[in-house]
């Protein structure tokens, strides 16, 4: 099993969800987060004062999928999230040793 964690632009969330549901992935956790990478934020002017906004709003999507589907999920996710501009985000892939469904004790891929 693989855990796929993606940090994307907030306005791309609907496209990404549709792409994932389109390939049969419906279990995911979505969180609103803030951060920056190479872009280092931007400057804004408010009431005549200039402010450095260095923590930008992002969305984090987390899901655990069978290992054999991870590449398919990454392709769908990155295709839907890509704008081609700086700040599109990142995808991280982790190995998952075990998953347990609390309701009935299912383990492994059956718990997904």
N, C-alpha and C. Protein backbone atom coordinates (compact mmCIF):
# COMPACT_ATOMS: atom_id res chain seq x y z
N UNK A 1 0.85 -1.18 0.00
CA UNK A 1 0.00 0.00 0.00
C UNK A 1 0.89 1.24 0.00
N UNK A 2 0.36 2.30 -0.59
CA UNK A 2 1.09 3.56 -0.65
C UNK A 2 0.18 4.68 -0.14
N UNK A 3 0.79 5.59 0.61
CA UNK A 3 0.09 6.81 1.01
C UNK A 3 0.53 7.90 0.05
N UNK A 4 -0.42 8.54 -0.57
CA UNK A 4 -0.14 9.63 -1.50
C UNK A 4 -0.64 10.91 -0.85
N UNK A 5 0.27 11.86 -0.74
CA UNK A 5 -0.03 13.15 -0.12
C UNK A 5 0.29 14.23 -1.15
N UNK A 6 -0.67 15.06 -1.46
CA UNK A 6 -0.46 16.10 -2.47
C UNK A 6 -0.80 17.46 -1.88
N UNK A 7 0.05 18.43 -2.16
CA UNK A 7 -0.21 19.83 -1.79
C UNK A 7 -0.49 20.55 -3.10
N UNK A 8 -1.69 21.11 -3.24
CA UNK A 8 -2.10 21.73 -4.50
C UNK A 8 -2.70 23.11 -4.28
N UNK A 9 -2.94 23.82 -5.39
CA UNK A 9 -3.60 25.12 -5.35
C UNK A 9 -5.08 24.90 -4.97
N UNK A 10 -5.65 25.76 -4.12
CA UNK A 10 -7.04 25.58 -3.68
C UNK A 10 -8.05 25.58 -4.83
N UNK A 11 -7.82 26.37 -5.87
CA UNK A 11 -8.81 26.46 -6.95
C UNK A 11 -8.81 25.22 -7.85
N UNK A 12 -7.88 24.29 -7.65
CA UNK A 12 -7.82 23.07 -8.45
C UNK A 12 -8.48 21.87 -7.76
N UNK A 13 -9.02 22.06 -6.55
CA UNK A 13 -9.53 20.93 -5.77
C UNK A 13 -10.68 20.21 -6.47
N UNK A 14 -11.60 20.93 -7.08
CA UNK A 14 -12.73 20.27 -7.74
C UNK A 14 -12.27 19.42 -8.92
N UNK A 15 -11.34 19.94 -9.72
CA UNK A 15 -10.82 19.17 -10.86
C UNK A 15 -10.09 17.92 -10.39
N UNK A 16 -9.32 18.05 -9.32
CA UNK A 16 -8.57 16.91 -8.79
C UNK A 16 -9.53 15.85 -8.25
N UNK A 17 -10.54 16.27 -7.48
CA UNK A 17 -11.51 15.31 -6.95
C UNK A 17 -12.22 14.58 -8.08
N UNK A 18 -12.64 15.30 -9.12
CA UNK A 18 -13.30 14.67 -10.26
C UNK A 18 -12.39 13.67 -10.95
N UNK A 19 -11.12 14.01 -11.12
CA UNK A 19 -10.17 13.11 -11.76
C UNK A 19 -9.98 11.83 -10.94
N UNK A 20 -9.89 11.97 -9.62
CA UNK A 20 -9.70 10.81 -8.76
C UNK A 20 -10.94 9.93 -8.72
N UNK A 21 -12.10 10.54 -8.60
CA UNK A 21 -13.34 9.77 -8.61
C UNK A 21 -13.51 9.08 -9.97
N UNK A 22 -13.06 9.76 -11.03
CA UNK A 22 -13.14 9.19 -12.37
C UNK A 22 -12.34 7.91 -12.55
N UNK A 23 -11.29 7.71 -11.76
CA UNK A 23 -10.52 6.47 -11.85
C UNK A 23 -10.85 5.52 -10.70
N UNK A 24 -11.90 5.84 -9.94
CA UNK A 24 -12.37 4.93 -8.90
C UNK A 24 -11.77 5.15 -7.52
N UNK A 25 -11.15 6.29 -7.30
CA UNK A 25 -10.59 6.60 -5.97
C UNK A 25 -11.57 7.55 -5.28
N UNK A 26 -12.22 7.07 -4.22
CA UNK A 26 -13.18 7.93 -3.55
C UNK A 26 -12.85 8.17 -2.08
N UNK A 27 -11.87 7.48 -1.53
CA UNK A 27 -11.48 7.70 -0.15
C UNK A 27 -10.30 8.64 -0.07
N UNK A 28 -10.51 9.81 0.49
CA UNK A 28 -9.43 10.79 0.62
C UNK A 28 -9.73 11.72 1.77
N UNK A 29 -8.68 12.32 2.30
CA UNK A 29 -8.81 13.34 3.34
C UNK A 29 -8.28 14.64 2.76
N UNK A 30 -9.04 15.70 2.93
CA UNK A 30 -8.66 17.00 2.37
C UNK A 30 -8.57 18.01 3.50
N UNK A 31 -7.45 18.73 3.56
CA UNK A 31 -7.22 19.73 4.60
C UNK A 31 -6.80 21.05 3.96
N UNK A 32 -7.23 22.15 4.57
CA UNK A 32 -6.73 23.46 4.15
C UNK A 32 -5.46 23.74 4.94
N UNK A 33 -4.38 24.05 4.23
CA UNK A 33 -3.09 24.29 4.87
C UNK A 33 -2.50 25.59 4.33
N UNK A 34 -1.40 26.02 4.92
CA UNK A 34 -0.70 27.21 4.44
C UNK A 34 0.78 26.88 4.36
N UNK A 35 1.47 27.46 3.39
CA UNK A 35 2.89 27.23 3.27
C UNK A 35 3.45 27.88 2.02
N UNK A 36 4.74 27.64 1.78
CA UNK A 36 5.36 28.14 0.56
C UNK A 36 6.54 27.26 0.20
N UNK A 37 6.89 27.30 -1.05
CA UNK A 37 8.07 26.59 -1.54
C UNK A 37 9.04 27.60 -2.09
N UNK A 38 9.47 27.37 -3.32
CA UNK A 38 10.44 28.27 -3.95
C UNK A 38 9.88 29.65 -4.22
N UNK A 39 8.56 29.75 -4.35
CA UNK A 39 7.97 31.05 -4.70
C UNK A 39 8.10 32.07 -3.57
N UNK A 40 8.24 31.62 -2.33
CA UNK A 40 8.47 32.48 -1.16
C UNK A 40 7.38 33.51 -0.91
N UNK A 41 6.17 33.29 -1.39
CA UNK A 41 5.08 34.23 -1.14
C UNK A 41 5.10 35.41 -2.09
N UNK A 42 4.40 36.46 -1.70
CA UNK A 42 4.31 37.66 -2.52
C UNK A 42 4.03 38.86 -1.63
N UNK A 43 4.12 40.04 -2.22
CA UNK A 43 3.85 41.28 -1.47
C UNK A 43 2.46 41.80 -1.82
N UNK A 44 1.77 42.32 -0.81
CA UNK A 44 0.46 42.93 -0.99
C UNK A 44 0.47 44.30 -0.32
N UNK A 45 -0.38 45.18 -0.82
CA UNK A 45 -0.51 46.51 -0.22
C UNK A 45 -1.90 46.59 0.41
N UNK A 46 -1.94 46.99 1.69
CA UNK A 46 -3.20 47.14 2.40
C UNK A 46 -3.16 48.48 3.12
N UNK A 47 -4.07 49.36 2.77
CA UNK A 47 -4.15 50.70 3.36
C UNK A 47 -2.82 51.44 3.29
N UNK A 48 -2.19 51.32 2.14
CA UNK A 48 -0.95 52.05 1.90
C UNK A 48 0.30 51.40 2.46
N UNK A 49 0.16 50.34 3.20
CA UNK A 49 1.32 49.64 3.76
C UNK A 49 1.58 48.37 2.97
N UNK A 50 2.85 48.09 2.74
CA UNK A 50 3.22 46.89 2.01
C UNK A 50 3.48 45.75 2.99
N UNK A 51 2.88 44.59 2.72
CA UNK A 51 3.04 43.41 3.56
C UNK A 51 3.60 42.27 2.74
N UNK A 52 4.47 41.47 3.36
CA UNK A 52 4.99 40.28 2.72
C UNK A 52 4.12 39.11 3.15
N UNK A 53 3.41 38.51 2.21
CA UNK A 53 2.57 37.34 2.49
C UNK A 53 3.39 36.12 2.12
N UNK A 54 3.97 35.45 3.13
CA UNK A 54 4.86 34.35 2.83
C UNK A 54 4.26 32.97 3.05
N UNK A 55 3.11 32.88 3.69
CA UNK A 55 2.42 31.60 3.84
C UNK A 55 1.14 31.65 3.01
N UNK A 56 1.17 30.95 1.90
CA UNK A 56 0.06 30.99 0.95
C UNK A 56 -0.92 29.86 1.23
N UNK A 57 -2.22 30.08 0.97
CA UNK A 57 -3.20 29.02 1.17
C UNK A 57 -3.01 27.90 0.15
N UNK A 58 -3.04 26.67 0.63
CA UNK A 58 -2.93 25.47 -0.20
C UNK A 58 -3.94 24.45 0.31
N UNK A 59 -4.11 23.37 -0.43
CA UNK A 59 -4.96 22.26 -0.02
C UNK A 59 -4.11 21.01 0.00
N UNK A 60 -4.23 20.22 1.08
CA UNK A 60 -3.51 18.95 1.17
C UNK A 60 -4.51 17.81 1.03
N UNK A 61 -4.21 16.92 0.10
CA UNK A 61 -5.04 15.73 -0.14
C UNK A 61 -4.21 14.52 0.28
N UNK A 62 -4.81 13.65 1.09
CA UNK A 62 -4.13 12.44 1.53
C UNK A 62 -5.00 11.24 1.22
N UNK A 63 -4.38 10.17 0.72
CA UNK A 63 -5.12 8.94 0.46
C UNK A 63 -4.16 7.76 0.53
N UNK A 64 -4.68 6.60 0.87
CA UNK A 64 -3.90 5.37 0.85
C UNK A 64 -4.53 4.47 -0.21
N UNK A 65 -3.68 3.99 -1.12
CA UNK A 65 -4.15 3.19 -2.26
C UNK A 65 -3.31 1.92 -2.36
N UNK A 66 -3.85 0.88 -3.03
CA UNK A 66 -3.01 -0.29 -3.29
C UNK A 66 -1.77 0.11 -4.08
N UNK A 67 -0.65 -0.52 -3.81
CA UNK A 67 0.62 -0.15 -4.44
C UNK A 67 0.55 -0.17 -5.96
N UNK A 68 -0.18 -1.14 -6.53
CA UNK A 68 -0.25 -1.26 -7.98
C UNK A 68 -1.04 -0.13 -8.65
N UNK A 69 -1.80 0.63 -7.88
CA UNK A 69 -2.58 1.75 -8.44
C UNK A 69 -1.92 3.10 -8.20
N UNK A 70 -0.81 3.13 -7.48
CA UNK A 70 -0.23 4.41 -7.08
C UNK A 70 0.20 5.26 -8.28
N UNK A 71 0.80 4.67 -9.28
CA UNK A 71 1.25 5.45 -10.44
C UNK A 71 0.05 6.03 -11.21
N UNK A 72 -1.01 5.26 -11.33
CA UNK A 72 -2.23 5.74 -11.99
C UNK A 72 -2.82 6.94 -11.24
N UNK A 73 -2.82 6.86 -9.92
CA UNK A 73 -3.35 7.94 -9.08
C UNK A 73 -2.48 9.18 -9.22
N UNK A 74 -1.16 9.01 -9.21
CA UNK A 74 -0.25 10.15 -9.33
C UNK A 74 -0.44 10.84 -10.68
N UNK A 75 -0.59 10.07 -11.75
CA UNK A 75 -0.80 10.66 -13.08
C UNK A 75 -2.10 11.45 -13.14
N UNK A 76 -3.19 10.89 -12.61
CA UNK A 76 -4.47 11.58 -12.62
C UNK A 76 -4.41 12.85 -11.77
N UNK A 77 -3.82 12.73 -10.59
CA UNK A 77 -3.73 13.86 -9.67
C UNK A 77 -2.88 14.99 -10.26
N UNK A 78 -1.70 14.65 -10.76
CA UNK A 78 -0.82 15.70 -11.28
C UNK A 78 -1.38 16.32 -12.55
N UNK A 79 -2.04 15.53 -13.38
CA UNK A 79 -2.65 16.08 -14.59
C UNK A 79 -3.75 17.07 -14.28
N UNK A 80 -4.56 16.76 -13.27
CA UNK A 80 -5.67 17.65 -12.92
C UNK A 80 -5.21 18.89 -12.16
N UNK A 81 -4.11 18.79 -11.42
CA UNK A 81 -3.64 19.91 -10.59
C UNK A 81 -2.71 20.85 -11.33
N UNK A 82 -2.18 20.44 -12.47
CA UNK A 82 -1.14 21.22 -13.16
C UNK A 82 -1.71 22.45 -13.86
N UNK A 83 -1.07 23.60 -13.62
CA UNK A 83 -1.35 24.82 -14.38
C UNK A 83 -0.14 25.21 -15.23
N UNK A 84 1.02 24.67 -14.88
CA UNK A 84 2.25 25.00 -15.58
C UNK A 84 2.97 26.21 -14.99
N UNK A 85 2.43 26.75 -13.91
CA UNK A 85 3.02 27.93 -13.27
C UNK A 85 3.62 27.55 -11.93
N UNK A 86 4.49 28.41 -11.43
CA UNK A 86 5.11 28.18 -10.14
C UNK A 86 4.02 28.11 -9.06
N UNK A 87 4.20 27.20 -8.10
CA UNK A 87 3.23 27.07 -7.02
C UNK A 87 2.18 26.00 -7.25
N UNK A 88 2.33 25.18 -8.30
CA UNK A 88 1.37 24.10 -8.57
C UNK A 88 1.33 23.08 -7.44
N UNK A 89 2.44 22.87 -6.74
CA UNK A 89 2.43 21.97 -5.60
C UNK A 89 3.38 20.81 -5.73
N UNK A 90 3.21 19.84 -4.85
CA UNK A 90 4.06 18.65 -4.78
C UNK A 90 3.20 17.44 -4.46
N UNK A 91 3.72 16.26 -4.84
CA UNK A 91 3.12 14.98 -4.48
C UNK A 91 4.19 14.17 -3.76
N UNK A 92 3.84 13.62 -2.61
CA UNK A 92 4.74 12.77 -1.84
C UNK A 92 4.13 11.38 -1.75
N UNK A 93 4.97 10.35 -1.87
CA UNK A 93 4.50 8.96 -1.84
C UNK A 93 5.26 8.22 -0.75
N UNK A 94 4.51 7.59 0.15
CA UNK A 94 5.08 6.86 1.27
C UNK A 94 4.64 5.40 1.22
N UNK A 95 5.47 4.51 1.75
CA UNK A 95 5.06 3.12 1.94
C UNK A 95 4.21 3.04 3.21
N UNK A 96 3.16 2.23 3.16
CA UNK A 96 2.30 2.02 4.33
C UNK A 96 2.43 0.55 4.73
N UNK A 97 2.81 0.31 5.95
CA UNK A 97 3.02 -1.06 6.42
C UNK A 97 1.70 -1.80 6.63
N UNK A 98 0.70 -1.13 7.15
CA UNK A 98 -0.55 -1.81 7.48
C UNK A 98 -1.69 -0.80 7.58
N UNK A 99 -2.88 -1.26 7.28
CA UNK A 99 -4.10 -0.46 7.47
C UNK A 99 -5.13 -1.35 8.15
N UNK A 100 -5.86 -0.78 9.08
CA UNK A 100 -6.89 -1.54 9.81
C UNK A 100 -8.17 -0.73 9.81
N UNK A 101 -9.26 -1.36 9.34
CA UNK A 101 -10.57 -0.71 9.42
C UNK A 101 -11.10 -0.91 10.84
N UNK A 102 -11.38 0.17 11.52
CA UNK A 102 -11.79 0.10 12.93
C UNK A 102 -13.13 -0.62 13.08
N UNK A 103 -14.06 -0.38 12.17
CA UNK A 103 -15.41 -0.93 12.29
C UNK A 103 -15.43 -2.45 12.41
N UNK A 104 -14.67 -3.15 11.55
CA UNK A 104 -14.77 -4.61 11.54
C UNK A 104 -13.42 -5.33 11.60
N UNK A 105 -12.32 -4.61 11.71
CA UNK A 105 -11.02 -5.24 11.84
C UNK A 105 -10.37 -5.67 10.53
N UNK A 106 -10.96 -5.32 9.37
CA UNK A 106 -10.33 -5.64 8.08
C UNK A 106 -8.91 -5.09 8.06
N UNK A 107 -8.00 -5.82 7.43
CA UNK A 107 -6.61 -5.40 7.36
C UNK A 107 -6.11 -5.36 5.92
N UNK A 108 -5.05 -4.58 5.71
CA UNK A 108 -4.43 -4.51 4.39
C UNK A 108 -5.32 -3.81 3.36
N UNK A 109 -5.25 -4.28 2.10
CA UNK A 109 -6.03 -3.68 1.03
C UNK A 109 -7.53 -3.75 1.29
N UNK A 110 -7.98 -4.75 2.02
CA UNK A 110 -9.41 -4.89 2.35
C UNK A 110 -9.90 -3.74 3.22
N UNK A 111 -9.00 -3.13 3.97
CA UNK A 111 -9.37 -2.02 4.85
C UNK A 111 -9.52 -0.70 4.08
N UNK A 112 -9.01 -0.68 2.85
CA UNK A 112 -9.08 0.57 2.07
C UNK A 112 -10.47 0.73 1.50
